[in-house]
Amino acid sequence: MIDIIALLIANIIPLYILIALGFIAGKWMDVNLPSMATVAIYILAPIVNFGAMAQMNFTPEYIALPIIFFLGSCTIGLISYNAAIKLWKNNTANLIGMGSVTGNTMYFGLPVILALLGPEWLGVYALLNLGTFLNEVGLGYFFGARGHATLKGALIKVLKLPVIHAIWLGLFYNLSGLPLPESFTRYWDYSIGAWVIIGMMIIGVALAKQSKLEIDVNLMLSMFTPKFVLWPLFGFAMIALDRMYFNAFEPEVHLMLAVMTTVPLAGNLVAYAATLNLHPERAAAVVLFSTLFAFITVPLAVVLLQLFS
């Protein structure tokens, strides 16, 4: 148990260093946030996800994972958004709804999964993450842009993302039985590291681009409730149901569920909030504190999972 905690801490601390480096780069080196996000989303994400899917040891049961996560994400998002509408009488409710549908499952969660399980499980993790990723750029964007965007527009935005097509192409390549070229595998390894580095630095750059941080305790509570209460309850309910009744997934998948549902708010949330004019200064503060809080929640979730195994 102590070894697992030490391993987690050793792999989480560098993520905070990357945020700090991103802040320095954004504050004093005039690093451009949209350019970094473009590289991460449109270049590195498709490479990483295609390679992960192409190398995954696929079993039919895994198809259920993104569907379950998509439905869970929709449910949590709708609950959070409708509750926020009653509590907040302005577009803060849009920010809460947008932030509730997903978390920092890749930039933050991916290094943790790699440390605990190794790269051979990355494909399953990418497939599992697909359900929440679709909602981040679909339903989440719809919540954020409510009033000047339609659900159809959000869906079109999803279909235009290269990573979506990289995932299904990678799955088809996997099913073909063809091996990946050694040169691709080598650069795929490089791309994973680059994606995590740029993804975590994006948070720091986004924080640096804000004129100030506005700490709003009520907003923090409203956004922490779905992220650190509803999501963990959903994740551990899935684990409990599978253990008691279905026995469909391996312990490694249960570990992924525990990590994915306790990671902090999505790193891209500040960028979305700035684009949609949804209180980016307050969003930046909440994302920062959620990332710090995840230093407790992620190791705690892994420890609890081990204790109840």
Protein backbone atom coordinates (compact mmCIF):
# COMPACT_ATOMS: atom_id res chain seq x y z
CA MET A 1 0.00 0.00 0.00
CA ILE A 2 2.78 2.43 0.93
CA ASP A 3 4.57 1.61 -2.32
CA ILE A 4 1.45 2.47 -4.34
CA ILE A 5 1.03 5.80 -2.55
CA ALA A 6 4.70 6.64 -3.07
CA LEU A 7 4.41 5.75 -6.76
CA LEU A 8 1.33 7.94 -7.14
CA ILE A 9 2.92 10.91 -5.40
CA ALA A 10 6.09 10.54 -7.47
CA ASN A 11 4.05 10.70 -10.67
CA ILE A 12 1.62 13.43 -9.60
CA ILE A 13 4.15 15.98 -8.32
CA PRO A 14 5.74 16.49 -11.79
CA LEU A 15 2.29 17.44 -13.10
CA TYR A 16 2.20 20.41 -10.72
CA ILE A 17 5.71 21.39 -11.81
CA LEU A 18 4.46 21.41 -15.42
CA ILE A 19 1.60 23.74 -14.43
CA ALA A 20 4.14 26.07 -12.81
CA LEU A 21 6.34 25.98 -15.93
CA GLY A 22 3.29 26.75 -18.05
CA PHE A 23 2.50 29.73 -15.82
CA ILE A 24 6.06 31.04 -16.21
CA ALA A 25 5.93 30.53 -19.97
CA GLY A 26 2.57 32.28 -20.26
CA LYS A 27 3.49 35.16 -17.98
CA TRP A 28 6.98 36.05 -19.10
CA MET A 29 7.61 34.26 -22.41
CA ASP A 30 4.44 35.29 -24.23
CA VAL A 31 3.50 31.69 -25.06
CA ASN A 32 0.30 31.55 -27.07
CA LEU A 33 -2.51 29.53 -25.44
CA PRO A 34 -4.59 28.84 -28.61
CA SER A 35 -1.51 27.51 -30.43
CA MET A 36 -0.67 25.12 -27.59
CA ALA A 37 -4.26 23.91 -27.43
CA THR A 38 -4.30 23.38 -31.21
CA VAL A 39 -1.16 21.23 -31.08
CA ALA A 40 -2.53 19.18 -28.17
CA ILE A 41 -6.05 18.68 -29.58
CA TYR A 42 -5.50 18.45 -33.33
CA ILE A 43 -2.04 16.83 -33.62
CA LEU A 44 -0.96 14.95 -30.50
CA ALA A 45 -4.37 13.68 -29.31
CA PRO A 46 -5.16 11.85 -32.60
CA ILE A 47 -1.70 10.21 -32.66
CA VAL A 48 -1.90 9.07 -29.04
CA ASN A 49 -5.45 7.76 -29.29
CA PHE A 50 -4.94 6.00 -32.64
CA GLY A 51 -1.86 4.20 -31.36
CA ALA A 52 -3.55 3.26 -28.10
CA MET A 53 -6.59 1.80 -29.86
CA ALA A 54 -4.49 -0.02 -32.47
CA GLN A 55 -2.43 -1.81 -29.80
CA MET A 56 -5.23 -2.59 -27.33
CA ASN A 57 -6.02 -6.19 -26.38
CA PHE A 58 -9.64 -5.81 -27.40
CA THR A 59 -12.55 -7.78 -25.96
CA PRO A 60 -16.24 -7.14 -26.81
CA GLU A 61 -17.09 -6.21 -23.21
CA TYR A 62 -15.00 -3.04 -23.54
CA ILE A 63 -17.55 -1.55 -25.95
CA ALA A 64 -19.87 -1.05 -22.98
CA LEU A 65 -17.36 1.17 -21.16
CA PRO A 66 -17.65 4.38 -23.22
CA ILE A 67 -21.44 3.94 -23.46
CA ILE A 68 -21.81 3.64 -19.68
CA PHE A 69 -19.49 6.60 -19.12
CA PHE A 70 -21.30 8.68 -21.72
CA LEU A 71 -24.66 8.04 -20.05
CA GLY A 72 -23.19 8.70 -16.60
CA SER A 73 -21.63 11.93 -17.82
CA CYS A 74 -24.95 13.05 -19.35
CA THR A 75 -26.80 12.30 -16.11
CA ILE A 76 -24.31 14.14 -13.90
CA GLY A 77 -24.21 17.05 -16.34
CA LEU A 78 -27.99 17.43 -16.50
CA ILE A 79 -28.34 17.17 -12.71
CA SER A 80 -25.59 19.74 -12.14
CA TYR A 81 -26.80 22.18 -14.80
CA ASN A 82 -30.44 22.12 -13.65
CA ALA A 83 -29.39 22.53 -10.01
CA ALA A 84 -27.11 25.43 -10.98
CA ILE A 85 -29.94 27.20 -12.82
CA LYS A 86 -31.91 27.29 -9.57
CA LEU A 87 -28.96 28.54 -7.50
CA TRP A 88 -27.42 30.98 -9.96
CA LYS A 89 -29.43 33.53 -11.92
CA ASN A 90 -26.73 34.30 -14.48
CA ASN A 91 -24.42 32.48 -16.88
CA THR A 92 -22.44 31.02 -13.98
CA ALA A 93 -24.85 28.08 -14.32
CA ASN A 94 -23.49 27.53 -17.84
CA LEU A 95 -19.94 27.33 -16.48
CA ILE A 96 -20.99 24.81 -13.82
CA GLY A 97 -22.81 22.65 -16.36
CA MET A 98 -19.84 22.73 -18.73
CA GLY A 99 -17.40 21.77 -15.99
CA SER A 100 -19.53 18.95 -14.58
CA VAL A 101 -19.55 16.57 -17.56
CA THR A 102 -15.91 15.53 -17.47
CA GLY A 103 -12.54 15.98 -15.77
CA ASN A 104 -8.84 16.12 -16.52
CA THR A 105 -8.83 12.43 -17.40
CA MET A 106 -6.03 12.54 -19.95
CA TYR A 107 -3.46 15.21 -19.04
CA PHE A 108 -3.74 14.36 -15.31
CA GLY A 109 -5.17 10.84 -15.29
CA LEU A 110 -3.03 9.38 -18.10
CA PRO A 111 0.35 9.62 -16.28
CA VAL A 112 -1.23 7.98 -13.23
CA ILE A 113 -2.57 5.07 -15.31
CA LEU A 114 0.76 4.67 -17.10
CA ALA A 115 2.56 4.54 -13.76
CA LEU A 116 0.17 2.04 -12.19
CA LEU A 117 -0.68 -0.20 -15.16
CA GLY A 118 1.78 0.46 -17.98
CA PRO A 119 1.24 1.42 -21.64
CA GLU A 120 -0.44 -1.89 -22.54
CA TRP A 121 -3.63 -0.65 -20.83
CA LEU A 122 -3.63 2.73 -22.52
CA GLY A 123 -6.00 1.59 -25.29
CA VAL A 124 -8.67 0.48 -22.80
CA TYR A 125 -8.25 3.75 -20.93
CA ALA A 126 -8.65 5.75 -24.16
CA LEU A 127 -11.81 3.81 -25.02
CA LEU A 128 -13.18 4.38 -21.53
CA ASN A 129 -12.36 8.07 -21.77
CA LEU A 130 -14.21 8.39 -25.07
CA GLY A 131 -17.57 8.62 -23.28
CA THR A 132 -16.61 11.68 -21.25
CA PHE A 133 -14.57 13.24 -24.05
CA LEU A 134 -17.61 13.25 -26.32
CA ASN A 135 -19.55 15.07 -23.64
CA GLU A 136 -16.76 17.58 -22.99
CA VAL A 137 -16.87 18.81 -26.58
CA GLY A 138 -20.57 18.01 -27.09
CA LEU A 139 -22.97 18.42 -24.19
CA GLY A 140 -20.43 20.39 -22.14
CA TYR A 141 -19.87 22.88 -24.94
CA PHE A 142 -23.64 23.09 -25.42
CA PHE A 143 -24.11 23.96 -21.73
CA GLY A 144 -21.38 26.59 -21.92
CA ALA A 145 -22.63 28.18 -25.12
CA ARG A 146 -26.34 27.92 -24.24
CA GLY A 147 -28.18 30.83 -25.80
CA HIS A 148 -25.96 31.19 -28.86
CA ALA A 149 -25.34 27.56 -29.77
CA THR A 150 -27.53 24.59 -30.58
CA LEU A 151 -27.13 20.94 -29.74
CA LYS A 152 -26.76 20.31 -33.46
CA GLY A 153 -23.90 22.80 -33.56
CA ALA A 154 -22.22 21.07 -30.65
CA LEU A 155 -22.55 17.69 -32.39
CA ILE A 156 -21.04 19.11 -35.57
CA LYS A 157 -18.16 20.41 -33.47
CA VAL A 158 -17.63 16.85 -32.16
CA LEU A 159 -17.63 15.31 -35.63
CA LYS A 160 -15.01 17.78 -36.82
CA LEU A 161 -12.48 16.71 -34.17
CA PRO A 162 -9.69 14.51 -35.60
CA VAL A 163 -9.37 12.52 -32.37
CA ILE A 164 -12.86 11.04 -32.83
CA HIS A 165 -11.89 9.62 -36.19
CA ALA A 166 -8.49 8.54 -34.88
CA ILE A 167 -10.23 6.38 -32.26
CA TRP A 168 -12.50 4.47 -34.65
CA LEU A 169 -9.73 4.14 -37.24
CA GLY A 170 -7.41 2.78 -34.55
CA LEU A 171 -10.06 0.27 -33.49
CA PHE A 172 -10.51 -0.92 -37.09
CA TYR A 173 -6.74 -1.21 -37.48
CA ASN A 174 -6.67 -3.27 -34.29
CA LEU A 175 -9.34 -5.63 -35.61
CA SER A 176 -7.44 -6.05 -38.90
CA GLY A 177 -4.65 -7.84 -37.04
CA LEU A 178 -1.93 -5.82 -38.78
CA PRO A 179 1.09 -4.85 -36.65
CA LEU A 180 2.04 -1.22 -36.29
CA PRO A 181 5.35 -0.16 -37.87
CA GLU A 182 8.16 0.08 -35.36
CA SER A 183 8.81 3.69 -36.36
CA PHE A 184 5.20 4.65 -35.54
CA THR A 185 5.39 2.94 -32.15
CA ARG A 186 8.55 4.85 -31.30
CA TYR A 187 7.05 8.23 -32.18
CA TRP A 188 3.80 7.24 -30.48
CA ASP A 189 5.77 6.91 -27.24
CA TYR A 190 7.21 10.38 -27.79
CA SER A 191 3.74 11.78 -28.50
CA ILE A 192 2.33 10.51 -25.18
CA GLY A 193 4.96 12.44 -23.23
CA ALA A 194 4.54 15.54 -25.37
CA TRP A 195 0.75 15.44 -24.99
CA VAL A 196 0.92 15.25 -21.19
CA ILE A 197 3.57 17.98 -20.98
CA ILE A 198 1.70 20.41 -23.23
CA GLY A 199 -1.67 19.52 -21.69
CA MET A 200 -0.58 20.30 -18.14
CA MET A 201 1.33 23.41 -19.20
CA ILE A 202 -1.89 24.65 -20.85
CA ILE A 203 -3.41 24.99 -17.37
CA GLY A 204 -0.49 27.16 -16.24
CA VAL A 205 -0.56 29.26 -19.41
CA ALA A 206 -4.32 29.75 -19.07
CA LEU A 207 -3.86 30.88 -15.47
CA ALA A 208 -1.11 33.30 -16.51
CA LYS A 209 -3.29 34.89 -19.19
CA GLN A 210 -5.92 35.93 -16.66
CA SER A 211 -5.56 39.45 -15.30
CA LYS A 212 -6.37 38.11 -11.84
CA LEU A 213 -7.75 35.08 -10.03
CA GLU A 214 -11.15 35.52 -8.42
CA ILE A 215 -11.75 33.05 -5.60
CA ASP A 216 -15.48 32.48 -5.27
CA VAL A 217 -16.19 29.98 -2.50
CA ASN A 218 -19.81 29.42 -3.56
CA LEU A 219 -18.76 28.72 -7.15
CA MET A 220 -16.06 26.36 -5.93
CA LEU A 221 -18.59 24.41 -3.87
CA SER A 222 -20.99 24.28 -6.83
CA MET A 223 -18.30 22.87 -9.12
CA PHE A 224 -16.61 20.62 -6.57
CA THR A 225 -19.91 18.87 -5.76
CA PRO A 226 -20.31 17.14 -9.14
CA LYS A 227 -16.56 16.66 -9.60
CA PHE A 228 -15.64 15.28 -6.20
CA VAL A 229 -18.98 13.90 -4.95
CA LEU A 230 -21.19 12.79 -7.86
CA TRP A 231 -18.38 11.48 -10.07
CA PRO A 232 -16.68 9.35 -7.37
CA LEU A 233 -20.08 7.96 -6.32
CA PHE A 234 -20.74 7.03 -9.94
CA GLY A 235 -17.33 5.42 -10.35
CA PHE A 236 -17.44 3.32 -7.21
CA ALA A 237 -21.06 2.34 -7.88
CA MET A 238 -19.93 0.95 -11.25
CA ILE A 239 -17.11 -0.96 -9.56
CA ALA A 240 -19.41 -2.36 -6.87
CA LEU A 241 -22.07 -3.46 -9.36
CA ASP A 242 -19.52 -5.17 -11.56
CA ARG A 243 -17.95 -7.00 -8.63
CA MET A 244 -21.27 -8.10 -7.14
CA TYR A 245 -23.25 -9.04 -10.24
CA PHE A 246 -21.50 -8.90 -13.61
CA ASN A 247 -17.77 -9.66 -13.23
CA ALA A 248 -17.28 -8.29 -16.76
CA PHE A 249 -14.10 -6.29 -16.20
CA GLU A 250 -10.64 -6.88 -14.83
CA PRO A 251 -9.29 -5.22 -11.66
CA GLU A 252 -7.24 -2.96 -13.94
CA VAL A 253 -10.46 -1.51 -15.37
CA HIS A 254 -11.75 -0.92 -11.85
CA LEU A 255 -8.56 0.99 -11.10
CA MET A 256 -9.13 3.14 -14.19
CA LEU A 257 -12.68 3.88 -13.02
CA ALA A 258 -11.40 4.94 -9.60
CA VAL A 259 -8.80 7.28 -11.12
CA MET A 260 -11.01 8.72 -13.87
CA THR A 261 -13.80 9.68 -11.49
CA THR A 262 -11.54 11.46 -8.98
CA VAL A 263 -9.31 13.57 -11.26
CA PRO A 264 -9.64 17.38 -11.13
CA LEU A 265 -11.68 19.63 -13.40
CA ALA A 266 -10.76 19.54 -17.08
CA GLY A 267 -7.65 21.49 -18.02
CA ASN A 268 -9.40 22.95 -21.06
CA LEU A 269 -12.18 24.50 -18.96
CA VAL A 270 -10.40 27.84 -18.54
CA ALA A 271 -9.83 28.13 -22.28
CA TYR A 272 -13.49 27.34 -22.98
CA ALA A 273 -14.60 29.82 -20.31
CA ALA A 274 -12.45 32.56 -21.84
CA THR A 275 -13.77 31.83 -25.34
CA LEU A 276 -17.41 31.90 -24.19
CA ASN A 277 -16.93 34.79 -21.72
CA LEU A 278 -17.99 32.65 -18.75
CA HIS A 279 -16.09 34.29 -15.88
CA PRO A 280 -12.62 32.94 -16.87
CA GLU A 281 -10.92 34.53 -13.82
CA ARG A 282 -13.17 32.61 -11.43
CA ALA A 283 -12.98 29.46 -13.57
CA ALA A 284 -9.17 29.60 -13.47
CA ALA A 285 -9.17 29.74 -9.67
CA VAL A 286 -11.57 26.79 -9.38
CA VAL A 287 -9.54 24.68 -11.83
CA LEU A 288 -6.35 25.47 -9.92
CA PHE A 289 -7.81 24.50 -6.53
CA SER A 290 -9.41 21.35 -7.98
CA THR A 291 -6.02 20.31 -9.37
CA LEU A 292 -4.44 20.82 -5.95
CA PHE A 293 -7.30 18.94 -4.28
CA ALA A 294 -6.79 15.98 -6.64
CA PHE A 295 -3.45 15.38 -4.92
CA ILE A 296 -5.66 13.95 -2.15
CA THR A 297 -8.62 12.48 -4.05
CA VAL A 298 -6.75 10.35 -6.60
CA PRO A 299 -4.42 8.56 -4.12
CA LEU A 300 -7.33 8.20 -1.69
CA ALA A 301 -9.49 6.54 -4.36
CA VAL A 302 -6.70 4.09 -5.26
CA VAL A 303 -6.11 3.25 -1.60
CA LEU A 304 -9.84 2.70 -0.94
CA LEU A 305 -10.05 0.45 -3.99
CA GLN A 306 -7.13 -1.62 -2.69
CA LEU A 307 -8.64 -1.86 0.78
CA PHE A 308 -11.99 -3.14 -0.51
CA SER A 309 -10.50 -5.53 -3.08
